[in-house]
Each structure stands twice: as C-alpha cells, then as structure tokens.
Amino acid sequence: MTESVQAWFFLLLAFVGGVSAAAFSFRLLGYLAVSLRRPRDLRRRYGAWAVVTGPTSGIGRSVALKLARKGLNLVLLDLSAANLQETSDMIRSRHGVKTRTVVFDLSLVGTPQGDDSMRRLRAAIDGLDVGVLVNNAGVARPSVAYLHEADVELWVRMLKVNLWALTEVTAAVLPGMVERGRGAVLNMGSASSEAIPSFPLNTIYASTKRYVAKFSRSLYVEYRNKGIDVQCQVTHNQPISRPAFKFHQQE
C-alpha cells in the first residue's frame, strides 16, 4: 500500500470515527436532556383522570401505579372483575386517588357483549376530565406457529384485542380530549414490528403491532393541532411519535 493510499485510508477512518462520535454525542445529549429535565405535572398538563386497559399485571399494572403516584385518578379496564377489584383497592390504599373499574373482555368487541361493555366505558368516563389513555392490553398468542397451523379462533381473538378494541377504546376517549383541547394517548407497540424486517412464526402478532405503530403516527398528525400528544412505546423505549411522557417500561 502506497503512502498516499494509506493517508486516504486513515483519513476515511478518521471521518467515520468522527461521524460515529458525533452521533453518539447527540444521542447522549438527548438522553441527558430527557433525564435531567423536570418531570411533567401530568395532571395539570393533560387532566385529572387516566384510562388504562389491562392494568392488573405486567406493564399495565406498573403504568397504572406510576400514574397514580403522579396523582391521576384511574379508570381501569380488564376482563377479570376480581383482579380489577384487587388492583383498584391496592391503588387507592397506596396513593389515595379515585378509581373506577369497567369489566371488559376486549376480545368480545363487535359483539352484543362488547357493545354493552363499550356503553359502560362511555358511562364511566362521562363527565370526567380524562387526559391520558393507555392502550396496554394485548394478546401475544398464538406464537411460534405457522399461520395455517394456528387455531383460527385464537388469532382472530388477537386481531380483535390488538387492533379492533384498541381503536374503539381510543375513539371513545378522544372526543372528550378534543373538547378540552388537551390529552395524551399511549399505545403499546413492539420491537417485533420496528426493529426487524420480519417476524416469522409470529406473523399475526407482529402485523397487529405494525398497525399500532402506523395508527399512532397517523393519530399524532391528525390530532397534534388539537393539543393531543400520541406515543407508541416499544421495547427499546424510543417513542415513535411525539413523546407524551416516559415510563421506562419494557414489554
């Protein structure tokens, strides 16, 4: 290798290294800016109440507790009345906020039972200053299966919960946010639809989460001039749309 080629080679390495260092620095500064800024007063920014689906375990329970610690009252939706009661009692005793519960099997959306649950949800939030909606509930099974081998009823249930119910619940809560000119919608996505080009043997799940991501992006553009923030949270904690708040939870 001649001296001139070596010189160009080292210059190229230096350029690549500089670009990498600059990119890392910008990401570090962004992280520090988020970490060091004062936490938002969610109650003042968005409203006194939050609606959380699937709040009795996992991420949903953690998010519900986080919102309660920040002083938000909660409307909790889950398919188990007993689990809802336990979660509601625990949240009230720990944080002194108000709670309302709606027993709602989201897989029944589009049926008479599901329509009745939607009416009860609308009645539960009627007159409330609902500022935050967390669409956490989701179905991940069937998983690791060829599409033609999976139980059709199970993946239809997944489609209903992950797509249809999420959309209907959002449509039920949004009118109040629009009327008040403020609100935040947090949808739970998945890296299976963002970080990798395909997710074989989990085709339906990844496809439903891709819908959630696209739904969130489009909803943000649709409602950003109405004072409503929209965020889709995925496993690596990078918001797809305008950040409403950071929970630092992982799916």
C-alpha atoms as a PDB file:
ATOM      1  CA  MET A   1       0.000   0.000   0.000  1.00  0.00           C
ATOM      2  CA  THR A   2       1.483   3.346  -1.055  1.00  0.00           C
ATOM      3  CA  GLU A   3       1.810   6.284   1.329  1.00  0.00           C
ATOM      4  CA  SER A   4      -0.917   8.242  -0.467  1.00  0.00           C
ATOM      5  CA  VAL A   5      -3.360   5.329  -0.246  1.00  0.00           C
ATOM      6  CA  GLN A   6      -2.502   4.877   3.414  1.00  0.00           C
ATOM      7  CA  ALA A   7      -3.114   8.567   4.014  1.00  0.00           C
ATOM      8  CA  TRP A   8      -6.529   8.416   2.344  1.00  0.00           C
ATOM      9  CA  PHE A   9      -7.379   5.241   4.255  1.00  0.00           C
ATOM     10  CA  PHE A  10      -6.578   6.851   7.611  1.00  0.00           C
ATOM     11  CA  LEU A  11      -8.500   9.970   6.636  1.00  0.00           C
ATOM     12  CA  LEU A  12     -11.516   7.801   5.836  1.00  0.00           C
ATOM     13  CA  LEU A  13     -11.213   6.027   9.180  1.00  0.00           C
ATOM     14  CA  ALA A  14     -10.921   9.355  10.957  1.00  0.00           C
ATOM     15  CA  PHE A  15     -14.021  10.650   9.156  1.00  0.00           C
ATOM     16  CA  VAL A  16     -16.057   7.553  10.029  1.00  0.00           C
ATOM     17  CA  GLY A  17     -14.872   7.738  13.614  1.00  0.00           C
ATOM     18  CA  GLY A  18     -15.775  11.420  13.829  1.00  0.00           C
ATOM     19  CA  VAL A  19     -19.259  10.824  12.470  1.00  0.00           C
ATOM     20  CA  SER A  20     -19.791   7.945  14.900  1.00  0.00           C
ATOM     21  CA  ALA A  21     -18.556  10.016  17.827  1.00  0.00           C
ATOM     22  CA  ALA A  22     -20.813  12.930  16.835  1.00  0.00           C
ATOM     23  CA  ALA A  23     -23.841  10.649  16.521  1.00  0.00           C
ATOM     24  CA  PHE A  24     -23.112   9.132  19.928  1.00  0.00           C
ATOM     25  CA  SER A  25     -22.699  12.596  21.455  1.00  0.00           C
ATOM     26  CA  PHE A  26     -26.028  13.798  20.087  1.00  0.00           C
ATOM     27  CA  ARG A  27     -27.779  10.706  21.428  1.00  0.00           C
ATOM     28  CA  LEU A  28     -26.106  11.150  24.811  1.00  0.00           C
ATOM     29  CA  LEU A  29     -27.135  14.806  24.958  1.00  0.00           C
ATOM     30  CA  GLY A  30     -30.691  13.870  24.064  1.00  0.00           C
ATOM     31  CA  TYR A  31     -30.755  11.241  26.791  1.00  0.00           C
ATOM     32  CA  LEU A  32     -29.382  13.699  29.353  1.00  0.00           C
ATOM     33  CA  ALA A  33     -31.918  16.320  28.309  1.00  0.00           C
ATOM     34  CA  VAL A  34     -34.782  13.872  28.911  1.00  0.00           C
ATOM     35  CA  SER A  35     -33.297  12.533  32.153  1.00  0.00           C
ATOM     36  CA  LEU A  36     -32.467  15.888  33.742  1.00  0.00           C
ATOM     37  CA  ARG A  37     -35.496  17.931  32.833  1.00  0.00           C
ATOM     38  CA  ARG A  38     -38.154  18.434  35.467  1.00  0.00           C
ATOM     39  CA  PRO A  39     -40.913  15.793  35.375  1.00  0.00           C
ATOM     40  CA  ARG A  40     -44.135  16.978  33.828  1.00  0.00           C
ATOM     41  CA  ASP A  41     -47.142  17.518  36.020  1.00  0.00           C
ATOM     42  CA  LEU A  42     -49.374  15.135  34.078  1.00  0.00           C
ATOM     43  CA  ARG A  43     -52.484  16.168  35.963  1.00  0.00           C
ATOM     44  CA  ARG A  44     -52.016  19.823  35.101  1.00  0.00           C
ATOM     45  CA  ARG A  45     -50.789  19.142  31.557  1.00  0.00           C
ATOM     46  CA  TYR A  46     -53.415  16.624  30.487  1.00  0.00           C
ATOM     47  CA  GLY A  47     -56.185  16.153  33.040  1.00  0.00           C
ATOM     48  CA  ALA A  48     -57.180  14.563  36.334  1.00  0.00           C
ATOM     49  CA  TRP A  49     -58.094  11.088  35.064  1.00  0.00           C
ATOM     50  CA  ALA A  50     -56.416   8.337  33.069  1.00  0.00           C
ATOM     51  CA  VAL A  51     -57.887   5.273  31.374  1.00  0.00           C
ATOM     52  CA  VAL A  52     -55.703   2.141  31.423  1.00  0.00           C
ATOM     53  CA  THR A  53     -56.519  -1.142  29.700  1.00  0.00           C
ATOM     54  CA  GLY A  54     -55.043  -4.355  31.057  1.00  0.00           C
ATOM     55  CA  PRO A  55     -53.930  -2.784  34.382  1.00  0.00           C
ATOM     56  CA  THR A  56     -53.905  -5.874  36.590  1.00  0.00           C
ATOM     57  CA  SER A  57     -50.495  -7.320  35.703  1.00  0.00           C
ATOM     58  CA  GLY A  58     -47.194  -6.629  33.954  1.00  0.00           C
ATOM     59  CA  ILE A  59     -46.657  -3.345  32.167  1.00  0.00           C
ATOM     60  CA  GLY A  60     -50.253  -2.242  32.625  1.00  0.00           C
ATOM     61  CA  ARG A  61     -50.055  -2.579  36.408  1.00  0.00           C
ATOM     62  CA  SER A  62     -46.736  -0.711  36.501  1.00  0.00           C
ATOM     63  CA  VAL A  63     -48.108   2.112  34.365  1.00  0.00           C
ATOM     64  CA  ALA A  64     -51.276   2.373  36.449  1.00  0.00           C
ATOM     65  CA  LEU A  65     -49.202   2.634  39.630  1.00  0.00           C
ATOM     66  CA  LYS A  66     -46.938   5.233  38.019  1.00  0.00           C
ATOM     67  CA  LEU A  67     -49.904   7.375  37.013  1.00  0.00           C
ATOM     68  CA  ALA A  68     -51.431   7.039  40.480  1.00  0.00           C
ATOM     69  CA  ARG A  69     -48.125   8.140  42.053  1.00  0.00           C
ATOM     70  CA  LYS A  70     -48.357  11.238  39.882  1.00  0.00           C
ATOM     71  CA  GLY A  71     -51.790  11.968  41.308  1.00  0.00           C
ATOM     72  CA  LEU A  72     -54.023  10.845  38.458  1.00  0.00           C
ATOM     73  CA  ASN A  73     -57.334   9.138  39.159  1.00  0.00           C
ATOM     74  CA  LEU A  74     -57.842   5.959  37.174  1.00  0.00           C
ATOM     75  CA  VAL A  75     -60.477   4.218  35.100  1.00  0.00           C
ATOM     76  CA  LEU A  76     -59.323   0.589  34.887  1.00  0.00           C
ATOM     77  CA  LEU A  77     -60.442  -1.887  32.197  1.00  0.00           C
ATOM     78  CA  ASP A  78     -59.844  -5.617  32.440  1.00  0.00           C
ATOM     79  CA  LEU A  79     -61.677  -8.864  31.786  1.00  0.00           C
ATOM     80  CA  SER A  80     -61.415 -10.123  35.393  1.00  0.00           C
ATOM     81  CA  ALA A  81     -63.663  -8.449  37.955  1.00  0.00           C
ATOM     82  CA  ALA A  82     -61.680  -9.955  40.834  1.00  0.00           C
ATOM     83  CA  ASN A  83     -58.329  -8.766  39.513  1.00  0.00           C
ATOM     84  CA  LEU A  84     -59.769  -5.326  38.831  1.00  0.00           C
ATOM     85  CA  GLN A  85     -61.066  -5.068  42.384  1.00  0.00           C
ATOM     86  CA  GLU A  86     -57.720  -6.126  43.872  1.00  0.00           C
ATOM     87  CA  THR A  87     -55.787  -3.654  41.701  1.00  0.00           C
ATOM     88  CA  SER A  88     -58.258  -0.832  42.361  1.00  0.00           C
ATOM     89  CA  ASP A  89     -58.163  -1.365  46.145  1.00  0.00           C
ATOM     90  CA  MET A  90     -54.371  -1.518  46.159  1.00  0.00           C
ATOM     91  CA  ILE A  91     -54.003   1.692  44.132  1.00  0.00           C
ATOM     92  CA  ARG A  92     -56.456   3.614  46.322  1.00  0.00           C
ATOM     93  CA  SER A  93     -54.820   2.452  49.553  1.00  0.00           C
ATOM     94  CA  ARG A  94     -51.294   3.265  48.373  1.00  0.00           C
ATOM     95  CA  HIS A  95     -51.857   6.552  46.603  1.00  0.00           C
ATOM     96  CA  GLY A  96     -55.207   7.939  47.757  1.00  0.00           C
ATOM     97  CA  VAL A  97     -56.561   8.513  44.248  1.00  0.00           C
ATOM     98  CA  LYS A  98     -60.018   7.729  42.939  1.00  0.00           C
ATOM     99  CA  THR A  99     -60.646   4.702  40.756  1.00  0.00           C
ATOM    100  CA  ARG A 100     -63.415   3.363  38.588  1.00  0.00           C
ATOM    101  CA  THR A 101     -63.483  -0.115  37.075  1.00  0.00           C
ATOM    102  CA  VAL A 102     -65.045  -1.496  33.914  1.00  0.00           C
ATOM    103  CA  VAL A 103     -65.123  -5.249  33.334  1.00  0.00           C
ATOM    104  CA  PHE A 104     -64.406  -5.536  29.623  1.00  0.00           C
ATOM    105  CA  ASP A 105     -63.322  -8.596  27.675  1.00  0.00           C
ATOM    106  CA  LEU A 106     -61.768  -6.790  24.728  1.00  0.00           C
ATOM    107  CA  SER A 107     -61.902  -9.933  22.604  1.00  0.00           C
ATOM    108  CA  LEU A 108     -65.698  -9.517  22.512  1.00  0.00           C
ATOM    109  CA  VAL A 109     -65.518  -6.180  20.719  1.00  0.00           C
ATOM    110  CA  GLY A 110     -68.022  -6.080  17.878  1.00  0.00           C
ATOM    111  CA  THR A 111     -70.428  -8.459  19.640  1.00  0.00           C
ATOM    112  CA  PRO A 112     -73.511  -7.535  21.733  1.00  0.00           C
ATOM    113  CA  GLN A 113     -71.479  -8.178  24.908  1.00  0.00           C
ATOM    114  CA  GLY A 114     -68.687  -5.969  23.606  1.00  0.00           C
ATOM    115  CA  ASP A 115     -71.131  -3.216  22.660  1.00  0.00           C
ATOM    116  CA  ASP A 116     -72.545  -3.339  26.191  1.00  0.00           C
ATOM    117  CA  SER A 117     -69.014  -3.008  27.607  1.00  0.00           C
ATOM    118  CA  MET A 118     -68.349  -0.011  25.359  1.00  0.00           C
ATOM    119  CA  ARG A 119     -71.516   1.643  26.667  1.00  0.00           C
ATOM    120  CA  ARG A 120     -70.352   1.034  30.250  1.00  0.00           C
ATOM    121  CA  LEU A 121     -66.955   2.534  29.410  1.00  0.00           C
ATOM    122  CA  ARG A 122     -68.555   5.649  27.959  1.00  0.00           C
ATOM    123  CA  ALA A 123     -70.778   5.930  31.035  1.00  0.00           C
ATOM    124  CA  ALA A 124     -67.754   5.525  33.337  1.00  0.00           C
ATOM    125  CA  ILE A 125     -65.824   8.379  31.695  1.00  0.00           C
ATOM    126  CA  ASP A 126     -68.821  10.654  31.160  1.00  0.00           C
ATOM    127  CA  GLY A 127     -68.148  13.983  32.830  1.00  0.00           C
ATOM    128  CA  LEU A 128     -64.576  13.083  33.809  1.00  0.00           C
ATOM    129  CA  ASP A 129     -61.524  15.120  32.854  1.00  0.00           C
ATOM    130  CA  VAL A 130     -59.806  12.187  31.125  1.00  0.00           C
ATOM    131  CA  GLY A 131     -56.411  13.409  29.999  1.00  0.00           C
ATOM    132  CA  VAL A 132     -54.483  10.179  29.472  1.00  0.00           C
ATOM    133  CA  LEU A 133     -55.351   6.948  27.690  1.00  0.00           C
ATOM    134  CA  VAL A 134     -53.016   3.960  27.941  1.00  0.00           C
ATOM    135  CA  ASN A 135     -53.838   1.195  25.465  1.00  0.00           C
ATOM    136  CA  ASN A 136     -51.822  -1.523  27.154  1.00  0.00           C
ATOM    137  CA  ALA A 137     -53.992  -4.630  26.824  1.00  0.00           C
ATOM    138  CA  GLY A 138     -52.797  -7.025  24.152  1.00  0.00           C
ATOM    139  CA  VAL A 139     -52.691 -10.678  23.137  1.00  0.00           C
ATOM    140  CA  ALA A 140     -49.448 -12.410  22.118  1.00  0.00           C
ATOM    141  CA  ARG A 141     -50.716 -15.949  21.488  1.00  0.00           C
ATOM    142  CA  PRO A 142     -50.715 -17.962  19.311  1.00  0.00           C
ATOM    143  CA  SER A 143     -46.961 -17.570  18.917  1.00  0.00           C
ATOM    144  CA  VAL A 144     -44.192 -19.599  17.274  1.00  0.00           C
ATOM    145  CA  ALA A 145     -46.615 -21.247  14.875  1.00  0.00           C
ATOM    146  CA  TYR A 146     -47.215 -21.390  11.149  1.00  0.00           C
ATOM    147  CA  LEU A 147     -50.276 -19.390  10.218  1.00  0.00           C
ATOM    148  CA  HIS A 148     -52.110 -22.392   8.736  1.00  0.00           C
ATOM    149  CA  GLU A 149     -51.423 -24.463  11.856  1.00  0.00           C
ATOM    150  CA  ALA A 150     -52.603 -21.916  14.424  1.00  0.00           C
ATOM    151  CA  ASP A 151     -56.088 -22.059  15.888  1.00  0.00           C
ATOM    152  CA  VAL A 152     -58.145 -19.603  13.827  1.00  0.00           C
ATOM    153  CA  GLU A 153     -60.221 -18.548  16.826  1.00  0.00           C
ATOM    154  CA  LEU A 154     -57.072 -17.620  18.749  1.00  0.00           C
ATOM    155  CA  TRP A 155     -55.586 -15.387  16.090  1.00  0.00           C
ATOM    156  CA  VAL A 156     -58.972 -13.788  15.423  1.00  0.00           C
ATOM    157  CA  ARG A 157     -59.053 -13.011  19.161  1.00  0.00           C
ATOM    158  CA  MET A 158     -55.586 -11.470  18.830  1.00  0.00           C
ATOM    159  CA  LEU A 159     -56.763  -9.286  15.955  1.00  0.00           C
ATOM    160  CA  LYS A 160     -59.803  -8.132  17.901  1.00  0.00           C
ATOM    161  CA  VAL A 161     -57.856  -7.190  21.030  1.00  0.00           C
ATOM    162  CA  ASN A 162     -54.713  -5.737  19.440  1.00  0.00           C
ATOM    163  CA  LEU A 163     -56.440  -3.833  16.613  1.00  0.00           C
ATOM    164  CA  TRP A 164     -60.168  -3.504  16.870  1.00  0.00           C
ATOM    165  CA  ALA A 165     -60.549  -2.962  20.614  1.00  0.00           C
ATOM    166  CA  LEU A 166     -57.607  -0.553  20.763  1.00  0.00           C
ATOM    167  CA  THR A 167     -59.202   1.509  18.001  1.00  0.00           C
ATOM    168  CA  GLU A 168     -62.686   1.521  19.546  1.00  0.00           C
ATOM    169  CA  VAL A 169     -61.453   2.437  23.032  1.00  0.00           C
ATOM    170  CA  THR A 170     -59.382   5.271  21.557  1.00  0.00           C
ATOM    171  CA  ALA A 171     -62.364   6.534  19.569  1.00  0.00           C
ATOM    172  CA  ALA A 172     -64.469   6.502  22.751  1.00  0.00           C
ATOM    173  CA  VAL A 173     -61.976   8.548  24.778  1.00  0.00           C
ATOM    174  CA  LEU A 174     -60.814  11.053  22.147  1.00  0.00           C
ATOM    175  CA  PRO A 175     -63.960  13.235  21.930  1.00  0.00           C
ATOM    176  CA  GLY A 176     -63.521  14.475  25.496  1.00  0.00           C
ATOM    177  CA  MET A 177     -59.858  15.268  24.852  1.00  0.00           C
ATOM    178  CA  VAL A 178     -60.755  17.181  21.710  1.00  0.00           C
ATOM    179  CA  GLU A 179     -63.433  19.129  23.569  1.00  0.00           C
ATOM    180  CA  ARG A 180     -60.967  20.121  26.319  1.00  0.00           C
ATOM    181  CA  GLY A 181     -58.102  20.758  23.893  1.00  0.00           C
ATOM    182  CA  ARG A 182     -55.612  18.517  25.669  1.00  0.00           C
ATOM    183  CA  GLY A 183     -54.763  14.863  26.188  1.00  0.00           C
ATOM    184  CA  ALA A 184     -52.266  12.080  25.647  1.00  0.00           C
ATOM    185  CA  VAL A 185     -52.622   8.634  24.104  1.00  0.00           C
ATOM    186  CA  LEU A 186     -50.008   5.968  24.838  1.00  0.00           C
ATOM    187  CA  ASN A 187     -50.151   2.808  22.736  1.00  0.00           C
ATOM    188  CA  MET A 188     -48.004  -0.229  23.494  1.00  0.00           C
ATOM    189  CA  GLY A 189     -46.126  -1.343  20.398  1.00  0.00           C
ATOM    190  CA  SER A 190     -43.413  -3.925  19.925  1.00  0.00           C
ATOM    191  CA  ALA A 191     -39.908  -4.089  18.505  1.00  0.00           C
ATOM    192  CA  SER A 192     -41.151  -7.114  16.515  1.00  0.00           C
ATOM    193  CA  SER A 193     -42.699  -4.623  14.104  1.00  0.00           C
ATOM    194  CA  GLU A 194     -39.992  -1.949  14.218  1.00  0.00           C
ATOM    195  CA  ALA A 195     -36.533  -3.384  14.841  1.00  0.00           C
ATOM    196  CA  ILE A 196     -36.589  -6.354  12.474  1.00  0.00           C
ATOM    197  CA  PRO A 197     -37.876  -6.621   8.875  1.00  0.00           C
ATOM    198  CA  SER A 198     -39.972  -9.741   9.518  1.00  0.00           C
ATOM    199  CA  PHE A 199     -41.056 -11.909  12.419  1.00  0.00           C
ATOM    200  CA  PRO A 200     -41.827 -15.385  11.059  1.00  0.00           C
ATOM    201  CA  LEU A 201     -43.922 -17.770  13.143  1.00  0.00           C
ATOM    202  CA  ASN A 202     -45.321 -14.697  14.905  1.00  0.00           C
ATOM    203  CA  THR A 203     -46.831 -13.172  11.791  1.00  0.00           C
ATOM    204  CA  ILE A 204     -50.189 -12.068  13.170  1.00  0.00           C
ATOM    205  CA  TYR A 205     -48.733 -10.566  16.346  1.00  0.00           C
ATOM    206  CA  ALA A 206     -46.069  -8.575  14.501  1.00  0.00           C
ATOM    207  CA  SER A 207     -48.646  -7.404  11.967  1.00  0.00           C
ATOM    208  CA  THR A 208     -51.012  -6.189  14.678  1.00  0.00           C
ATOM    209  CA  LYS A 209     -48.209  -4.243  16.331  1.00  0.00           C
ATOM    210  CA  ARG A 210     -47.291  -2.719  12.963  1.00  0.00           C
ATOM    211  CA  TYR A 211     -50.862  -1.476  12.834  1.00  0.00           C
ATOM    212  CA  VAL A 212     -50.462   0.043  16.286  1.00  0.00           C
ATOM    213  CA  ALA A 213     -47.327   1.900  15.144  1.00  0.00           C
ATOM    214  CA  LYS A 214     -48.960   3.255  11.983  1.00  0.00           C
ATOM    215  CA  PHE A 215     -52.135   4.089  13.888  1.00  0.00           C
ATOM    216  CA  SER A 216     -50.092   6.055  16.426  1.00  0.00           C
ATOM    217  CA  ARG A 217     -48.137   8.013  13.814  1.00  0.00           C
ATOM    218  CA  SER A 218     -51.244   8.931  11.867  1.00  0.00           C
ATOM    219  CA  LEU A 219     -53.202   9.777  15.017  1.00  0.00           C
ATOM    220  CA  TYR A 220     -50.451  12.124  16.151  1.00  0.00           C
ATOM    221  CA  VAL A 221     -50.544  14.043  12.863  1.00  0.00           C
ATOM    222  CA  GLU A 222     -54.343  14.056  12.926  1.00  0.00           C
ATOM    223  CA  TYR A 223     -54.661  15.465  16.457  1.00  0.00           C
ATOM    224  CA  ARG A 224     -51.445  17.359  17.195  1.00  0.00           C
ATOM    225  CA  ASN A 225     -53.082  20.734  16.474  1.00  0.00           C
ATOM    226  CA  LYS A 226     -55.827  19.865  18.961  1.00  0.00           C
ATOM    227  CA  GLY A 227     -53.426  19.672  21.911  1.00  0.00           C
ATOM    228  CA  ILE A 228     -53.276  15.866  21.993  1.00  0.00           C
ATOM    229  CA  ASP A 229     -49.961  14.008  22.226  1.00  0.00           C
ATOM    230  CA  VAL A 230     -49.618  10.477  20.888  1.00  0.00           C
ATOM    231  CA  GLN A 231     -46.857   7.996  21.623  1.00  0.00           C
ATOM    232  CA  CYS A 232     -46.226   4.388  20.658  1.00  0.00           C
ATOM    233  CA  GLN A 233     -43.917   2.738  23.161  1.00  0.00           C
ATOM    234  CA  VAL A 234     -41.725  -0.139  22.013  1.00  0.00           C
ATOM    235  CA  THR A 235     -39.241  -2.350  23.799  1.00  0.00           C
ATOM    236  CA  HIS A 236     -36.200  -0.133  23.310  1.00  0.00           C
ATOM    237  CA  ASN A 237     -38.127   2.852  24.746  1.00  0.00           C
ATOM    238  CA  GLN A 238     -37.880   5.011  21.654  1.00  0.00           C
ATOM    239  CA  PRO A 239     -41.140   6.899  21.051  1.00  0.00           C
ATOM    240  CA  ILE A 240     -42.436   6.621  17.508  1.00  0.00           C
ATOM    241  CA  SER A 241     -44.459   9.809  17.717  1.00  0.00           C
ATOM    242  CA  ARG A 242     -44.266  12.953  19.807  1.00  0.00           C
ATOM    243  CA  PRO A 243     -43.322  11.960  23.372  1.00  0.00           C
ATOM    244  CA  ALA A 244     -46.160  12.450  25.810  1.00  0.00           C
ATOM    245  CA  PHE A 245     -44.274  11.002  28.779  1.00  0.00           C
ATOM    246  CA  LYS A 246     -41.611   8.424  29.549  1.00  0.00           C
ATOM    247  CA  PHE A 247     -42.400   5.412  31.702  1.00  0.00           C
ATOM    248  CA  HIS A 248     -39.216   3.460  31.026  1.00  0.00           C
ATOM    249  CA  GLN A 249     -41.165   0.201  30.952  1.00  0.00           C
ATOM    250  CA  GLN A 250     -40.299  -2.705  28.701  1.00  0.00           C
ATOM    251  CA  GLU A 251     -42.587  -5.158  27.018  1.00  0.00           C
END
